[in-house]
Amino acid sequence: MAKAVTESKKVPLGCYLTPDELRDLHEYAARFEISVPNLCKLIIQRELCKPKLNTFRRRYFRKVGKGEGKRMTVKFANKAVKDRFASHVRECQLGSDDAVGILFRAEPREQWLRKAIGWPSGFVLESPGLDS
């Protein structure tokens, strides 16, 4: 049986996003009924499998600092993911925060997850209420 990874041993990846960018990410994640951190982990994993960073770079690169936004951080239990991502980002000649920011900004507009699942544009997962 696998041991649970304590929070202190998890490896973070993140960036600053503007309030509008963060809202877009939250709204997009809500369409799938998944948490924003889980959505962001999928986005990073997708990048490792099917790189789009260089394609998205010109359109979604922007610097957002502490004063302009809020930090969005995800934590991976597997340090190898962060190491692979760091290597990939170096090849793209970007910093980790910049790369993560590009990917987190791009997904609500590019909608890779929706397309991967095969949902049509505008599809929203219907959730039965508590009365069902």
Protein backbone atom coordinates (compact mmCIF):
# COMPACT_ATOMS: atom_id res chain seq x y z
CA MET A 1 0.00 0.00 0.00
CA ALA A 2 1.35 3.43 -0.95
CA LYS A 3 2.22 5.85 1.82
CA ALA A 4 0.40 9.18 1.92
CA VAL A 5 2.63 12.13 1.10
CA THR A 6 2.62 14.79 3.77
CA GLU A 7 1.88 18.37 2.74
CA SER A 8 5.45 19.41 3.61
CA LYS A 9 6.90 16.89 1.13
CA LYS A 10 4.76 18.06 -1.78
CA VAL A 11 6.47 20.11 -4.49
CA PRO A 12 4.85 23.43 -5.50
CA LEU A 13 4.48 25.05 -8.91
CA GLY A 14 2.68 28.34 -9.33
CA CYS A 15 2.37 31.86 -10.62
CA TYR A 16 0.58 35.14 -10.01
CA LEU A 17 -2.68 35.66 -11.88
CA THR A 18 -4.84 38.77 -12.09
CA PRO A 19 -8.26 38.60 -10.43
CA ASP A 20 -9.89 38.24 -13.88
CA GLU A 21 -7.54 35.40 -14.88
CA LEU A 22 -8.17 33.62 -11.60
CA ARG A 23 -11.94 34.05 -12.01
CA ASP A 24 -11.72 32.57 -15.53
CA LEU A 25 -9.82 29.57 -14.18
CA HIS A 26 -12.37 29.05 -11.38
CA GLU A 27 -15.32 29.29 -13.79
CA TYR A 28 -13.68 26.88 -16.21
CA ALA A 29 -12.92 24.34 -13.45
CA ALA A 30 -16.48 24.63 -12.16
CA ARG A 31 -17.79 23.51 -15.56
CA PHE A 32 -16.10 20.14 -14.92
CA GLU A 33 -16.87 20.05 -11.20
CA ILE A 34 -13.19 19.77 -10.35
CA SER A 35 -11.07 21.96 -8.12
CA VAL A 36 -8.85 24.63 -9.60
CA PRO A 37 -5.70 22.94 -8.22
CA ASN A 38 -6.70 19.65 -9.87
CA LEU A 39 -7.42 21.45 -13.14
CA CYS A 40 -4.02 23.13 -12.94
CA LYS A 41 -2.30 19.80 -12.30
CA LEU A 42 -3.94 18.40 -15.42
CA ILE A 43 -2.80 21.44 -17.41
CA ILE A 44 0.82 20.91 -16.31
CA GLN A 45 0.64 17.16 -16.98
CA ARG A 46 -0.82 17.85 -20.44
CA GLU A 47 2.06 20.18 -21.18
CA LEU A 48 4.52 17.41 -20.35
CA CYS A 49 2.74 14.99 -22.70
CA LYS A 50 1.72 17.35 -25.51
CA PRO A 51 3.76 20.56 -25.35
CA LYS A 52 2.02 23.76 -26.37
CA LEU A 53 4.05 26.25 -24.34
CA ASN A 54 5.96 27.71 -27.27
CA THR A 55 2.72 28.01 -29.26
CA PHE A 56 0.94 29.80 -26.39
CA ARG A 57 3.91 31.90 -25.34
CA ARG A 58 3.40 34.94 -27.54
CA ARG A 59 -0.33 35.16 -26.89
CA TYR A 60 -0.47 34.49 -23.13
CA PHE A 61 2.85 35.70 -21.69
CA ARG A 62 2.55 38.55 -19.23
CA LYS A 63 4.23 39.46 -15.99
CA VAL A 64 1.92 39.71 -12.99
CA GLY A 65 3.40 40.65 -9.65
CA LYS A 66 2.27 40.41 -6.05
CA GLY A 67 0.62 43.81 -6.17
CA GLU A 68 -1.40 43.00 -9.28
CA GLY A 69 -2.62 39.50 -8.56
CA LYS A 70 -2.95 36.48 -6.39
CA ARG A 71 -0.69 33.46 -6.33
CA MET A 72 -2.11 30.22 -7.75
CA THR A 73 -0.02 27.29 -6.55
CA VAL A 74 -0.45 23.58 -7.07
CA LYS A 75 1.48 20.92 -5.22
CA PHE A 76 2.66 17.64 -6.69
CA ALA A 77 3.42 14.60 -4.56
CA ASN A 78 5.89 13.44 -7.20
CA LYS A 79 9.02 15.60 -7.43
CA ALA A 80 9.77 14.01 -10.82
CA VAL A 81 6.85 15.98 -12.31
CA LYS A 82 8.37 19.28 -11.19
CA ASP A 83 11.82 18.19 -12.38
CA ARG A 84 10.47 17.22 -15.83
CA PHE A 85 8.53 20.47 -16.01
CA ALA A 86 11.61 22.50 -14.99
CA SER A 87 13.67 20.81 -17.70
CA HIS A 88 10.96 21.45 -20.30
CA VAL A 89 10.65 25.10 -19.27
CA ARG A 90 14.42 25.62 -19.54
CA GLU A 91 14.30 24.26 -23.09
CA CYS A 92 11.62 26.87 -23.83
CA GLN A 93 13.86 29.53 -22.26
CA LEU A 94 11.28 30.54 -19.68
CA GLY A 95 11.12 30.70 -15.93
CA SER A 96 8.83 28.27 -14.12
CA ASP A 97 6.40 30.97 -12.92
CA ASP A 98 6.18 32.48 -16.41
CA ALA A 99 5.53 29.08 -18.00
CA VAL A 100 2.87 28.15 -15.46
CA GLY A 101 1.21 31.54 -15.94
CA ILE A 102 1.08 31.05 -19.70
CA LEU A 103 -0.52 27.63 -19.33
CA PHE A 104 -3.04 28.71 -16.67
CA ARG A 105 -4.08 31.73 -18.78
CA ALA A 106 -4.34 29.71 -21.97
CA GLU A 107 -6.54 26.82 -20.81
CA PRO A 108 -9.84 28.69 -20.26
CA ARG A 109 -9.49 30.09 -23.78
CA GLU A 110 -7.96 27.12 -25.60
CA GLN A 111 -10.12 24.57 -23.70
CA TRP A 112 -7.88 21.54 -24.15
CA LEU A 113 -9.65 19.65 -21.35
CA ARG A 114 -13.12 20.17 -22.84
CA LYS A 115 -11.86 19.05 -26.24
CA ALA A 116 -10.03 16.05 -24.77
CA ILE A 117 -13.21 14.88 -23.08
CA GLY A 118 -15.15 15.45 -26.29
CA TRP A 119 -17.68 17.89 -24.88
CA PRO A 120 -19.14 20.38 -27.37
CA SER A 121 -18.41 24.09 -26.97
CA GLY A 122 -20.60 25.65 -24.30
CA PHE A 123 -21.24 22.31 -22.58
CA VAL A 124 -21.70 22.51 -18.82
CA LEU A 125 -21.85 19.40 -16.68
CA GLU A 126 -25.29 19.23 -15.14
CA SER A 127 -25.27 18.46 -11.47
CA PRO A 128 -28.29 17.02 -9.71
CA GLY A 129 -29.10 18.98 -6.58
CA LEU A 130 -29.14 17.58 -3.07
CA ASP A 131 -32.78 16.60 -3.53
CA SER A 132 -31.97 13.92 -6.15
